[in-house]
Amino acid sequence: MSQDFIIYLSREAVYTILLLAAPLLGTSLLVGLLISIFQATTQIQEQTLTFVPKIVVILVCLVIFGPWMLNLLVSFTTNLFAVIPEIMK
């Protein structure tokens, strides 16, 4: 097992993690920004106001992006299992 191969596997793992986290983090960031703007304009400074909409939006995103995320994880895992014989050499 060479250093290039280990770097390749690490890069693919990090790339997969970023692709999986991006939709959820992006929508959570957008909802948090919109709620912060709403709080600033109405001068409502309730800290718990941001949690419920973020949770709802993340659950909706999981329903929408869930199959794509699962396919991405399955393909990464399949590729990882395919290279196990190469690792054992």
PDB file of N, CA and C in Angstrom:
ATOM      1  N   MET A   1       0.862  -1.164   0.000  1.00  0.00           N
ATOM      2  CA  MET A   1       0.000   0.000   0.000  1.00  0.00           C
ATOM      3  C   MET A   1       0.909   1.228   0.000  1.00  0.00           C
ATOM      4  N   SER A   2       0.729   2.071  -0.990  1.00  0.00           N
ATOM      5  CA  SER A   2       1.597   3.232  -1.132  1.00  0.00           C
ATOM      6  C   SER A   2       0.977   4.463  -0.473  1.00  0.00           C
ATOM      7  N   GLN A   3       1.789   5.475  -0.339  1.00  0.00           N
ATOM      8  CA  GLN A   3       1.311   6.727   0.238  1.00  0.00           C
ATOM      9  C   GLN A   3       0.285   7.397  -0.666  1.00  0.00           C
ATOM     10  N   ASP A   4       0.466   7.281  -1.971  1.00  0.00           N
ATOM     11  CA  ASP A   4      -0.480   7.868  -2.912  1.00  0.00           C
ATOM     12  C   ASP A   4      -1.862   7.248  -2.773  1.00  0.00           C
ATOM     13  N   PHE A   5      -1.888   5.938  -2.550  1.00  0.00           N
ATOM     14  CA  PHE A   5      -3.166   5.252  -2.385  1.00  0.00           C
ATOM     15  C   PHE A   5      -3.875   5.688  -1.106  1.00  0.00           C
ATOM     16  N   ILE A   6      -3.132   5.838  -0.040  1.00  0.00           N
ATOM     17  CA  ILE A   6      -3.714   6.293   1.226  1.00  0.00           C
ATOM     18  C   ILE A   6      -4.237   7.716   1.095  1.00  0.00           C
ATOM     19  N   ILE A   7      -3.488   8.565   0.417  1.00  0.00           N
ATOM     20  CA  ILE A   7      -3.931   9.945   0.189  1.00  0.00           C
ATOM     21  C   ILE A   7      -5.200   9.959  -0.659  1.00  0.00           C
ATOM     22  N   TYR A   8      -5.243   9.084  -1.672  1.00  0.00           N
ATOM     23  CA  TYR A   8      -6.428   8.992  -2.519  1.00  0.00           C
ATOM     24  C   TYR A   8      -7.653   8.581  -1.703  1.00  0.00           C
ATOM     25  N   LEU A   9      -7.516   7.553  -0.868  1.00  0.00           N
ATOM     26  CA  LEU A   9      -8.642   7.107  -0.037  1.00  0.00           C
ATOM     27  C   LEU A   9      -9.079   8.192   0.947  1.00  0.00           C
ATOM     28  N   SER A  10      -8.119   8.886   1.536  1.00  0.00           N
ATOM     29  CA  SER A  10      -8.449   9.958   2.475  1.00  0.00           C
ATOM     30  C   SER A  10      -9.161  11.099   1.774  1.00  0.00           C
ATOM     31  N   ARG A  11      -8.685  11.448   0.585  1.00  0.00           N
ATOM     32  CA  ARG A  11      -9.313  12.531  -0.172  1.00  0.00           C
ATOM     33  C   ARG A  11     -10.749  12.174  -0.550  1.00  0.00           C
ATOM     34  N   GLU A  12     -10.957  10.938  -0.984  1.00  0.00           N
ATOM     35  CA  GLU A  12     -12.305  10.501  -1.344  1.00  0.00           C
ATOM     36  C   GLU A  12     -13.235  10.485  -0.128  1.00  0.00           C
ATOM     37  N   ALA A  13     -12.722  10.092   1.029  1.00  0.00           N
ATOM     38  CA  ALA A  13     -13.531  10.074   2.248  1.00  0.00           C
ATOM     39  C   ALA A  13     -13.934  11.486   2.654  1.00  0.00           C
ATOM     40  N   VAL A  14     -12.992  12.408   2.619  1.00  0.00           N
ATOM     41  CA  VAL A  14     -13.302  13.801   2.989  1.00  0.00           C
ATOM     42  C   VAL A  14     -14.280  14.411   1.987  1.00  0.00           C
ATOM     43  N   TYR A  15     -14.082  14.130   0.702  1.00  0.00           N
ATOM     44  CA  TYR A  15     -14.980  14.648  -0.329  1.00  0.00           C
ATOM     45  C   TYR A  15     -16.396  14.112  -0.127  1.00  0.00           C
ATOM     46  N   THR A  16     -16.518  12.842   0.214  1.00  0.00           N
ATOM     47  CA  THR A  16     -17.831  12.244   0.460  1.00  0.00           C
ATOM     48  C   THR A  16     -18.492  12.874   1.683  1.00  0.00           C
ATOM     49  N   ILE A  17     -17.727  13.102   2.723  1.00  0.00           N
ATOM     50  CA  ILE A  17     -18.272  13.729   3.928  1.00  0.00           C
ATOM     51  C   ILE A  17     -18.767  15.136   3.625  1.00  0.00           C
ATOM     52  N   LEU A  18     -17.989  15.890   2.847  1.00  0.00           N
ATOM     53  CA  LEU A  18     -18.413  17.244   2.489  1.00  0.00           C
ATOM     54  C   LEU A  18     -19.673  17.232   1.645  1.00  0.00           C
ATOM     55  N   LEU A  19     -19.769  16.307   0.700  1.00  0.00           N
ATOM     56  CA  LEU A  19     -20.977  16.216  -0.116  1.00  0.00           C
ATOM     57  C   LEU A  19     -22.194  15.829   0.716  1.00  0.00           C
ATOM     58  N   LEU A  20     -22.002  14.980   1.700  1.00  0.00           N
ATOM     59  CA  LEU A  20     -23.123  14.568   2.543  1.00  0.00           C
ATOM     60  C   LEU A  20     -23.590  15.688   3.473  1.00  0.00           C
ATOM     61  N   ALA A  21     -22.651  16.476   3.960  1.00  0.00           N
ATOM     62  CA  ALA A  21     -22.997  17.511   4.934  1.00  0.00           C
ATOM     63  C   ALA A  21     -23.488  18.803   4.291  1.00  0.00           C
ATOM     64  N   ALA A  22     -23.126  19.049   3.048  1.00  0.00           N
ATOM     65  CA  ALA A  22     -23.416  20.339   2.412  1.00  0.00           C
ATOM     66  C   ALA A  22     -24.899  20.694   2.352  1.00  0.00           C
ATOM     67  N   PRO A  23     -25.802  19.813   1.910  1.00  0.00           N
ATOM     68  CA  PRO A  23     -27.207  20.233   1.838  1.00  0.00           C
ATOM     69  C   PRO A  23     -27.801  20.579   3.202  1.00  0.00           C
ATOM     70  N   LEU A  24     -27.487  19.779   4.203  1.00  0.00           N
ATOM     71  CA  LEU A  24     -28.051  20.033   5.527  1.00  0.00           C
ATOM     72  C   LEU A  24     -27.470  21.291   6.157  1.00  0.00           C
ATOM     73  N   LEU A  25     -26.163  21.456   6.051  1.00  0.00           N
ATOM     74  CA  LEU A  25     -25.538  22.646   6.627  1.00  0.00           C
ATOM     75  C   LEU A  25     -25.945  23.916   5.889  1.00  0.00           C
ATOM     76  N   GLY A  26     -26.056  23.816   4.570  1.00  0.00           N
ATOM     77  CA  GLY A  26     -26.435  24.988   3.777  1.00  0.00           C
ATOM     78  C   GLY A  26     -27.841  25.469   4.089  1.00  0.00           C
ATOM     79  N   THR A  27     -28.787  24.543   4.156  1.00  0.00           N
ATOM     80  CA  THR A  27     -30.162  24.954   4.465  1.00  0.00           C
ATOM     81  C   THR A  27     -30.286  25.430   5.905  1.00  0.00           C
ATOM     82  N   SER A  28     -29.564  24.799   6.800  1.00  0.00           N
ATOM     83  CA  SER A  28     -29.587  25.251   8.192  1.00  0.00           C
ATOM     84  C   SER A  28     -29.008  26.654   8.327  1.00  0.00           C
ATOM     85  N   LEU A  29     -27.948  26.921   7.588  1.00  0.00           N
ATOM     86  CA  LEU A  29     -27.349  28.251   7.588  1.00  0.00           C
ATOM     87  C   LEU A  29     -28.308  29.285   7.022  1.00  0.00           C
ATOM     88  N   LEU A  30     -28.971  28.940   5.925  1.00  0.00           N
ATOM     89  CA  LEU A  30     -29.919  29.870   5.305  1.00  0.00           C
ATOM     90  C   LEU A  30     -31.110  30.162   6.214  1.00  0.00           C
ATOM     91  N   VAL A  31     -31.660  29.131   6.842  1.00  0.00           N
ATOM     92  CA  VAL A  31     -32.787  29.332   7.754  1.00  0.00           C
ATOM     93  C   VAL A  31     -32.350  30.144   8.972  1.00  0.00           C
ATOM     94  N   GLY A  32     -31.174  29.870   9.495  1.00  0.00           N
ATOM     95  CA  GLY A  32     -30.674  30.652  10.628  1.00  0.00           C
ATOM     96  C   GLY A  32     -30.490  32.115  10.279  1.00  0.00           C
ATOM     97  N   LEU A  33     -29.999  32.381   9.071  1.00  0.00           N
ATOM     98  CA  LEU A  33     -29.833  33.765   8.626  1.00  0.00           C
ATOM     99  C   LEU A  33     -31.185  34.458   8.481  1.00  0.00           C
ATOM    100  N   LEU A  34     -32.156  33.774   7.882  1.00  0.00           N
ATOM    101  CA  LEU A  34     -33.484  34.372   7.722  1.00  0.00           C
ATOM    102  C   LEU A  34     -34.152  34.642   9.071  1.00  0.00           C
ATOM    103  N   ILE A  35     -34.002  33.735  10.006  1.00  0.00           N
ATOM    104  CA  ILE A  35     -34.588  33.938  11.335  1.00  0.00           C
ATOM    105  C   ILE A  35     -33.867  35.063  12.064  1.00  0.00           C
ATOM    106  N   SER A  36     -32.565  35.171  11.898  1.00  0.00           N
ATOM    107  CA  SER A  36     -31.818  36.265  12.524  1.00  0.00           C
ATOM    108  C   SER A  36     -32.250  37.612  11.968  1.00  0.00           C
ATOM    109  N   ILE A  37     -32.465  37.676  10.659  1.00  0.00           N
ATOM    110  CA  ILE A  37     -32.958  38.926  10.060  1.00  0.00           C
ATOM    111  C   ILE A  37     -34.352  39.243  10.592  1.00  0.00           C
ATOM    112  N   PHE A  38     -35.208  38.224  10.699  1.00  0.00           N
ATOM    113  CA  PHE A  38     -36.545  38.423  11.252  1.00  0.00           C
ATOM    114  C   PHE A  38     -36.474  38.916  12.698  1.00  0.00           C
ATOM    115  N   GLN A  39     -35.592  38.328  13.491  1.00  0.00           N
ATOM    116  CA  GLN A  39     -35.451  38.745  14.889  1.00  0.00           C
ATOM    117  C   GLN A  39     -34.912  40.166  14.986  1.00  0.00           C
ATOM    118  N   ALA A  40     -34.013  40.530  14.098  1.00  0.00           N
ATOM    119  CA  ALA A  40     -33.457  41.882  14.145  1.00  0.00           C
ATOM    120  C   ALA A  40     -34.490  42.930  13.746  1.00  0.00           C
ATOM    121  N   THR A  41     -35.325  42.591  12.785  1.00  0.00           N
ATOM    122  CA  THR A  41     -36.330  43.575  12.346  1.00  0.00           C
ATOM    123  C   THR A  41     -37.469  43.703  13.330  1.00  0.00           C
ATOM    124  N   THR A  42     -37.849  42.621  13.994  1.00  0.00           N
ATOM    125  CA  THR A  42     -38.961  42.686  14.941  1.00  0.00           C
ATOM    126  C   THR A  42     -38.499  42.896  16.377  1.00  0.00           C
ATOM    127  N   GLN A  43     -37.212  42.864  16.614  1.00  0.00           N
ATOM    128  CA  GLN A  43     -36.608  43.026  17.935  1.00  0.00           C
ATOM    129  C   GLN A  43     -37.079  41.960  18.928  1.00  0.00           C
ATOM    130  N   ILE A  44     -37.374  40.780  18.402  1.00  0.00           N
ATOM    131  CA  ILE A  44     -37.672  39.622  19.251  1.00  0.00           C
ATOM    132  C   ILE A  44     -36.346  38.919  19.491  1.00  0.00           C
ATOM    133  N   GLN A  45     -35.900  38.854  20.724  1.00  0.00           N
ATOM    134  CA  GLN A  45     -34.596  38.275  21.028  1.00  0.00           C
ATOM    135  C   GLN A  45     -34.732  36.959  21.785  1.00  0.00           C
ATOM    136  N   GLU A  46     -35.619  36.110  21.329  1.00  0.00           N
ATOM    137  CA  GLU A  46     -35.800  34.804  21.935  1.00  0.00           C
ATOM    138  C   GLU A  46     -34.817  33.808  21.314  1.00  0.00           C
ATOM    139  N   GLN A  47     -33.964  33.196  22.114  1.00  0.00           N
ATOM    140  CA  GLN A  47     -32.923  32.313  21.611  1.00  0.00           C
ATOM    141  C   GLN A  47     -33.475  30.982  21.097  1.00  0.00           C
ATOM    142  N   THR A  48     -34.581  30.532  21.677  1.00  0.00           N
ATOM    143  CA  THR A  48     -35.126  29.234  21.279  1.00  0.00           C
ATOM    144  C   THR A  48     -35.936  29.312  19.990  1.00  0.00           C
ATOM    145  N   LEU A  49     -36.158  30.501  19.462  1.00  0.00           N
ATOM    146  CA  LEU A  49     -36.945  30.660  18.242  1.00  0.00           C
ATOM    147  C   LEU A  49     -36.263  30.024  17.040  1.00  0.00           C
ATOM    148  N   THR A  50     -34.958  29.924  17.041  1.00  0.00           N
ATOM    149  CA  THR A  50     -34.241  29.394  15.873  1.00  0.00           C
ATOM    150  C   THR A  50     -34.235  27.871  15.816  1.00  0.00           C
ATOM    151  N   PHE A  51     -34.419  27.196  16.928  1.00  0.00           N
ATOM    152  CA  PHE A  51     -34.247  25.746  16.948  1.00  0.00           C
ATOM    153  C   PHE A  51     -35.343  24.985  16.205  1.00  0.00           C
ATOM    154  N   VAL A  52     -36.594  25.328  16.434  1.00  0.00           N
ATOM    155  CA  VAL A  52     -37.694  24.571  15.836  1.00  0.00           C
ATOM    156  C   VAL A  52     -37.695  24.687  14.310  1.00  0.00           C
ATOM    157  N   PRO A  53     -37.585  25.886  13.736  1.00  0.00           N
ATOM    158  CA  PRO A  53     -37.544  25.931  12.259  1.00  0.00           C
ATOM    159  C   PRO A  53     -36.333  25.208  11.668  1.00  0.00           C
ATOM    160  N   LYS A  54     -35.181  25.291  12.322  1.00  0.00           N
ATOM    161  CA  LYS A  54     -34.006  24.585  11.815  1.00  0.00           C
ATOM    162  C   LYS A  54     -34.207  23.077  11.842  1.00  0.00           C
ATOM    163  N   ILE A  55     -34.788  22.561  12.912  1.00  0.00           N
ATOM    164  CA  ILE A  55     -35.034  21.126  13.007  1.00  0.00           C
ATOM    165  C   ILE A  55     -36.011  20.675  11.932  1.00  0.00           C
ATOM    166  N   VAL A  56     -37.067  21.463  11.715  1.00  0.00           N
ATOM    167  CA  VAL A  56     -38.053  21.109  10.695  1.00  0.00           C
ATOM    168  C   VAL A  56     -37.423  21.124   9.310  1.00  0.00           C
ATOM    169  N   VAL A  57     -36.622  22.152   9.023  1.00  0.00           N
ATOM    170  CA  VAL A  57     -35.990  22.254   7.709  1.00  0.00           C
ATOM    171  C   VAL A  57     -34.981  21.125   7.503  1.00  0.00           C
ATOM    172  N   ILE A  58     -34.232  20.764   8.519  1.00  0.00           N
ATOM    173  CA  ILE A  58     -33.276  19.676   8.386  1.00  0.00           C
ATOM    174  C   ILE A  58     -33.992  18.343   8.165  1.00  0.00           C
ATOM    175  N   LEU A  59     -35.107  18.123   8.841  1.00  0.00           N
ATOM    176  CA  LEU A  59     -35.869  16.898   8.609  1.00  0.00           C
ATOM    177  C   LEU A  59     -36.429  16.851   7.189  1.00  0.00           C
ATOM    178  N   VAL A  60     -36.921  17.984   6.688  1.00  0.00           N
ATOM    179  CA  VAL A  60     -37.418  18.042   5.309  1.00  0.00           C
ATOM    180  C   VAL A  60     -36.278  17.786   4.326  1.00  0.00           C
ATOM    181  N   CYS A  61     -35.120  18.365   4.597  1.00  0.00           N
ATOM    182  CA  CYS A  61     -33.954  18.130   3.730  1.00  0.00           C
ATOM    183  C   CYS A  61     -33.516  16.681   3.759  1.00  0.00           C
ATOM    184  N   LEU A  62     -33.599  16.046   4.911  1.00  0.00           N
ATOM    185  CA  LEU A  62     -33.264  14.623   4.986  1.00  0.00           C
ATOM    186  C   LEU A  62     -34.228  13.785   4.157  1.00  0.00           C
ATOM    187  N   VAL A  63     -35.498  14.166   4.149  1.00  0.00           N
ATOM    188  CA  VAL A  63     -36.469  13.442   3.334  1.00  0.00           C
ATOM    189  C   VAL A  63     -36.187  13.661   1.852  1.00  0.00           C
ATOM    190  N   ILE A  64     -35.840  14.890   1.486  1.00  0.00           N
ATOM    191  CA  ILE A  64     -35.582  15.205   0.074  1.00  0.00           C
ATOM    192  C   ILE A  64     -34.253  14.628  -0.388  1.00  0.00           C
ATOM    193  N   PHE A  65     -33.183  14.878   0.374  1.00  0.00           N
ATOM    194  CA  PHE A  65     -31.843  14.480  -0.038  1.00  0.00           C
ATOM    195  C   PHE A  65     -31.424  13.108   0.478  1.00  0.00           C
ATOM    196  N   GLY A  66     -32.254  12.465   1.278  1.00  0.00           N
ATOM    197  CA  GLY A  66     -31.904  11.180   1.869  1.00  0.00           C
ATOM    198  C   GLY A  66     -31.532  10.102   0.867  1.00  0.00           C
ATOM    199  N   PRO A  67     -32.343   9.879  -0.177  1.00  0.00           N
ATOM    200  CA  PRO A  67     -31.965   8.843  -1.153  1.00  0.00           C
ATOM    201  C   PRO A  67     -30.636   9.140  -1.857  1.00  0.00           C
ATOM    202  N   TRP A  68     -30.407  10.398  -2.208  1.00  0.00           N
ATOM    203  CA  TRP A  68     -29.145  10.762  -2.843  1.00  0.00           C
ATOM    204  C   TRP A  68     -27.968  10.535  -1.889  1.00  0.00           C
ATOM    205  N   MET A  69     -28.150  10.908  -0.624  1.00  0.00           N
ATOM    206  CA  MET A  69     -27.087  10.720   0.367  1.00  0.00           C
ATOM    207  C   MET A  69     -26.801   9.234   0.568  1.00  0.00           C
ATOM    208  N   LEU A  70     -27.842   8.434   0.611  1.00  0.00           N
ATOM    209  CA  LEU A  70     -27.661   7.001   0.786  1.00  0.00           C
ATOM    210  C   LEU A  70     -26.951   6.385  -0.416  1.00  0.00           C
ATOM    211  N   ASN A  71     -27.322   6.802  -1.627  1.00  0.00           N
ATOM    212  CA  ASN A  71     -26.638   6.301  -2.824  1.00  0.00           C
ATOM    213  C   ASN A  71     -25.170   6.687  -2.823  1.00  0.00           C
ATOM    214  N   LEU A  72     -24.865   7.896  -2.376  1.00  0.00           N
ATOM    215  CA  LEU A  72     -23.480   8.347  -2.305  1.00  0.00           C
ATOM    216  C   LEU A  72     -22.681   7.506  -1.313  1.00  0.00           C
ATOM    217  N   LEU A  73     -23.266   7.244  -0.161  1.00  0.00           N
ATOM    218  CA  LEU A  73     -22.584   6.409   0.833  1.00  0.00           C
ATOM    219  C   LEU A  73     -22.407   4.974   0.356  1.00  0.00           C
ATOM    220  N   VAL A  74     -23.417   4.444  -0.306  1.00  0.00           N
ATOM    221  CA  VAL A  74     -23.320   3.070  -0.806  1.00  0.00           C
ATOM    222  C   VAL A  74     -22.239   2.970  -1.878  1.00  0.00           C
ATOM    223  N   SER A  75     -22.175   3.939  -2.779  1.00  0.00           N
ATOM    224  CA  SER A  75     -21.147   3.882  -3.821  1.00  0.00           C
ATOM    225  C   SER A  75     -19.747   4.040  -3.229  1.00  0.00           C
ATOM    226  N   PHE A  76     -19.601   4.908  -2.228  1.00  0.00           N
ATOM    227  CA  PHE A  76     -18.291   5.052  -1.573  1.00  0.00           C
ATOM    228  C   PHE A  76     -17.895   3.754  -0.884  1.00  0.00           C
ATOM    229  N   THR A  77     -18.825   3.146  -0.175  1.00  0.00           N
ATOM    230  CA  THR A  77     -18.537   1.910   0.544  1.00  0.00           C
ATOM    231  C   THR A  77     -18.237   0.769  -0.427  1.00  0.00           C
ATOM    232  N   THR A  78     -18.972   0.706  -1.518  1.00  0.00           N
ATOM    233  CA  THR A  78     -18.724  -0.317  -2.529  1.00  0.00           C
ATOM    234  C   THR A  78     -17.332  -0.166  -3.116  1.00  0.00           C
ATOM    235  N   ASN A  79     -16.956   1.068  -3.432  1.00  0.00           N
ATOM    236  CA  ASN A  79     -15.611   1.312  -3.957  1.00  0.00           C
ATOM    237  C   ASN A  79     -14.540   0.971  -2.925  1.00  0.00           C
ATOM    238  N   LEU A  80     -14.813   1.264  -1.668  1.00  0.00           N
ATOM    239  CA  LEU A  80     -13.862   0.949  -0.609  1.00  0.00           C
ATOM    240  C   LEU A  80     -13.690  -0.562  -0.459  1.00  0.00           C
ATOM    241  N   PHE A  81     -14.795  -1.303  -0.512  1.00  0.00           N
ATOM    242  CA  PHE A  81     -14.710  -2.761  -0.429  1.00  0.00           C
ATOM    243  C   PHE A  81     -14.029  -3.349  -1.656  1.00  0.00           C
ATOM    244  N   ALA A  82     -14.168  -2.685  -2.794  1.00  0.00           N
ATOM    245  CA  ALA A  82     -13.539  -3.188  -4.021  1.00  0.00           C
ATOM    246  C   ALA A  82     -12.019  -3.068  -3.964  1.00  0.00           C
ATOM    247  N   VAL A  83     -11.509  -2.106  -3.224  1.00  0.00           N
ATOM    248  CA  VAL A  83     -10.058  -1.917  -3.165  1.00  0.00           C
ATOM    249  C   VAL A  83      -9.417  -2.645  -1.991  1.00  0.00           C
ATOM    250  N   ILE A  84     -10.194  -3.357  -1.201  1.00  0.00           N
ATOM    251  CA  ILE A  84      -9.616  -4.104  -0.071  1.00  0.00           C
ATOM    252  C   ILE A  84      -8.576  -5.124  -0.541  1.00  0.00           C
ATOM    253  N   PRO A  85      -8.836  -5.869  -1.618  1.00  0.00           N
ATOM    254  CA  PRO A  85      -7.770  -6.802  -2.066  1.00  0.00           C
ATOM    255  C   PRO A  85      -6.480  -6.069  -2.449  1.00  0.00           C
ATOM    256  N   GLU A  86      -6.602  -4.867  -2.968  1.00  0.00           N
ATOM    257  CA  GLU A  86      -5.412  -4.097  -3.316  1.00  0.00           C
ATOM    258  C   GLU A  86      -4.664  -3.654  -2.059  1.00  0.00           C
ATOM    259  N   ILE A  87      -5.399  -3.377  -1.006  1.00  0.00           N
ATOM    260  CA  ILE A  87      -4.772  -2.970   0.251  1.00  0.00           C
ATOM    261  C   ILE A  87      -4.010  -4.146   0.860  1.00  0.00           C
ATOM    262  N   MET A  88      -4.539  -5.332   0.719  1.00  0.00           N
ATOM    263  CA  MET A  88      -3.933  -6.495   1.354  1.00  0.00           C
ATOM    264  C   MET A  88      -2.673  -6.990   0.645  1.00  0.00           C
ATOM    265  N   LYS A  89      -2.380  -6.487  -0.535  1.00  0.00           N
ATOM    266  CA  LYS A  89      -1.187  -6.933  -1.271  1.00  0.00           C
ATOM    267  C   LYS A  89       0.085  -6.471  -0.620  1.00  0.00           C
TER     268      LYS A  89
END
